[in-house]
């Protein structure tokens, strides 16, 4: 429940952000509707990447004795900030100007990690009793 809720909310927030950026940078495309195939494909990519990362996180926490590795914030953010840094360095080397909201491409991965950790911890606070499950 926590995993599905977190990935659904991350997908929803990313689509809101994308829609807002598209309306800002391309006002002529206001009113374009995403197809269900686009939504499902993005959701599948987010679920797959979060599932792999969640499995890696569980493996690291089960096999390590270091307390700082048991924090999902440290695990997810360190990895995504490292990947974002590589993307940023590649952009600086190419030295192309960022236009029309393409700066969102460089911040999507860390933003998704922050949102996933935030929603994961929020759903972790919600306790579902066994008597409440149908």
Protein backbone atom coordinates (compact mmCIF):
# COMPACT_ATOMS: atom_id res chain seq x y z
CA UNK A 1 0.00 0.00 0.00
CA UNK A 2 2.82 2.36 0.91
CA UNK A 3 4.68 1.64 -2.33
CA UNK A 4 1.66 2.03 -4.62
CA UNK A 5 0.49 5.19 -2.87
CA UNK A 6 3.93 6.76 -3.01
CA UNK A 7 4.50 6.00 -6.68
CA UNK A 8 0.99 7.21 -7.59
CA UNK A 9 1.51 10.51 -5.79
CA UNK A 10 4.97 11.00 -7.34
CA UNK A 11 3.48 10.44 -10.79
CA UNK A 12 0.62 12.84 -10.06
CA UNK A 13 2.94 15.61 -8.82
CA UNK A 14 5.30 15.19 -11.78
CA UNK A 15 2.39 15.45 -14.21
CA UNK A 16 1.17 18.61 -12.45
CA UNK A 17 4.68 20.07 -12.68
CA UNK A 18 5.00 19.10 -16.33
CA UNK A 19 1.60 20.55 -17.18
CA UNK A 20 2.42 23.82 -15.40
CA UNK A 21 5.80 24.11 -17.15
CA UNK A 22 4.26 23.32 -20.54
CA UNK A 23 1.56 25.95 -20.06
CA UNK A 24 4.20 28.50 -19.05
CA UNK A 25 6.74 27.87 -21.80
CA UNK A 26 4.34 26.89 -24.60
CA UNK A 27 1.08 28.81 -24.12
CA UNK A 28 -0.16 27.77 -27.58
CA UNK A 29 -0.39 24.15 -26.38
CA UNK A 30 -2.77 24.86 -23.50
CA UNK A 31 -5.58 22.38 -23.47
CA UNK A 32 -3.67 19.42 -24.83
CA UNK A 33 -4.69 16.28 -22.99
CA UNK A 34 -2.34 13.43 -22.21
CA UNK A 35 -3.37 10.03 -23.47
CA UNK A 36 -3.82 7.13 -21.09
CA UNK A 37 -0.86 5.36 -22.76
CA UNK A 38 1.46 8.26 -21.89
CA UNK A 39 0.27 8.31 -18.28
CA UNK A 40 0.61 4.54 -17.90
CA UNK A 41 4.04 4.45 -19.50
CA UNK A 42 5.38 7.17 -17.18
CA UNK A 43 3.76 5.43 -14.21
CA UNK A 44 5.37 2.14 -15.25
CA UNK A 45 8.80 3.80 -15.47
CA UNK A 46 8.37 5.34 -12.02
CA UNK A 47 7.12 2.07 -10.51
CA UNK A 48 9.96 0.10 -12.06
CA UNK A 49 12.67 2.52 -10.94
CA UNK A 50 11.20 2.85 -7.43
CA UNK A 51 10.83 -0.93 -7.14
CA UNK A 52 14.46 -1.55 -8.07
CA UNK A 53 15.63 1.18 -5.70
CA UNK A 54 13.38 -0.10 -2.90
CA UNK A 55 14.76 -3.62 -3.32
CA UNK A 56 18.31 -2.30 -3.25
CA UNK A 57 17.50 -0.25 -0.15
CA UNK A 58 16.06 -3.31 1.62
CA UNK A 59 19.14 -5.32 0.69
CA UNK A 60 21.50 -2.64 1.96
CA UNK A 61 19.62 -2.18 5.24
CA UNK A 62 19.43 -5.93 5.87
CA UNK A 63 23.12 -6.53 5.22
CA UNK A 64 24.74 -3.46 6.78
CA UNK A 65 25.26 -2.49 10.38
CA UNK A 66 25.85 1.20 9.70
CA UNK A 67 22.97 3.27 11.06
CA UNK A 68 23.34 6.04 8.50
CA UNK A 69 22.55 3.59 5.68
CA UNK A 70 19.22 2.73 7.30
CA UNK A 71 17.76 6.15 6.49
CA UNK A 72 15.85 6.19 3.19
CA UNK A 73 16.60 9.90 2.86
CA UNK A 74 20.33 9.29 2.86
CA UNK A 75 20.09 6.35 0.50
CA UNK A 76 17.76 7.80 -2.13
CA UNK A 77 19.07 11.36 -2.12
CA UNK A 78 22.76 10.46 -2.22
CA UNK A 79 22.27 8.27 -5.28
CA UNK A 80 20.02 10.69 -7.15
CA UNK A 81 22.12 13.74 -6.36
CA UNK A 82 25.15 11.89 -7.67
CA UNK A 83 23.33 11.06 -10.92
CA UNK A 84 22.05 14.64 -11.22
CA UNK A 85 25.59 15.90 -10.74
CA UNK A 86 26.78 13.75 -13.65
CA UNK A 87 23.95 15.12 -15.82
CA UNK A 88 24.84 18.68 -14.82
CA UNK A 89 28.54 18.16 -15.59
CA UNK A 90 27.62 16.74 -19.01
CA UNK A 91 25.44 19.79 -19.64
CA UNK A 92 28.25 22.18 -18.62
CA UNK A 93 30.67 20.43 -20.96
CA UNK A 94 28.23 20.74 -23.86
CA UNK A 95 27.58 24.38 -22.83
CA UNK A 96 24.20 24.63 -24.44
CA UNK A 97 21.76 27.16 -23.06
CA UNK A 98 18.79 25.70 -21.22
CA UNK A 99 15.68 26.88 -22.99
CA UNK A 100 11.96 26.32 -22.77
CA UNK A 101 11.92 24.56 -19.43
CA UNK A 102 14.52 21.93 -20.24
CA UNK A 103 16.09 22.72 -16.86
CA UNK A 104 13.35 20.49 -15.44
CA UNK A 105 15.07 17.51 -17.06
CA UNK A 106 18.08 18.00 -14.79
CA UNK A 107 16.01 18.33 -11.63
CA UNK A 108 13.47 15.56 -12.25
CA UNK A 109 15.48 12.76 -10.69
CA UNK A 110 16.30 14.52 -7.38
CA UNK A 111 12.78 15.96 -7.21
CA UNK A 112 11.28 12.51 -7.72
CA UNK A 113 13.51 11.07 -4.99
CA UNK A 114 12.52 13.79 -2.53
CA UNK A 115 8.84 13.30 -3.34
CA UNK A 116 9.10 9.51 -3.08
CA UNK A 117 10.83 9.69 0.31
CA UNK A 118 8.32 12.26 1.56
CA UNK A 119 5.30 10.23 0.45
CA UNK A 120 6.92 6.99 1.64
CA UNK A 121 7.38 8.42 5.13
CA UNK A 122 3.88 9.92 5.10
CA UNK A 123 2.33 6.56 4.22
CA UNK A 124 4.57 4.96 6.84
CA UNK A 125 2.98 7.18 9.49
CA UNK A 126 -0.48 5.96 8.56
CA UNK A 127 -1.07 2.77 10.48
CA UNK A 128 -3.51 0.32 8.98
CA UNK A 129 -4.92 -2.08 11.52
CA UNK A 130 -5.54 -5.69 10.54
CA UNK A 131 -9.18 -5.26 11.52
CA UNK A 132 -9.55 -2.39 9.00
CA UNK A 133 -8.50 -4.52 6.03
CA UNK A 134 -11.43 -5.94 4.09
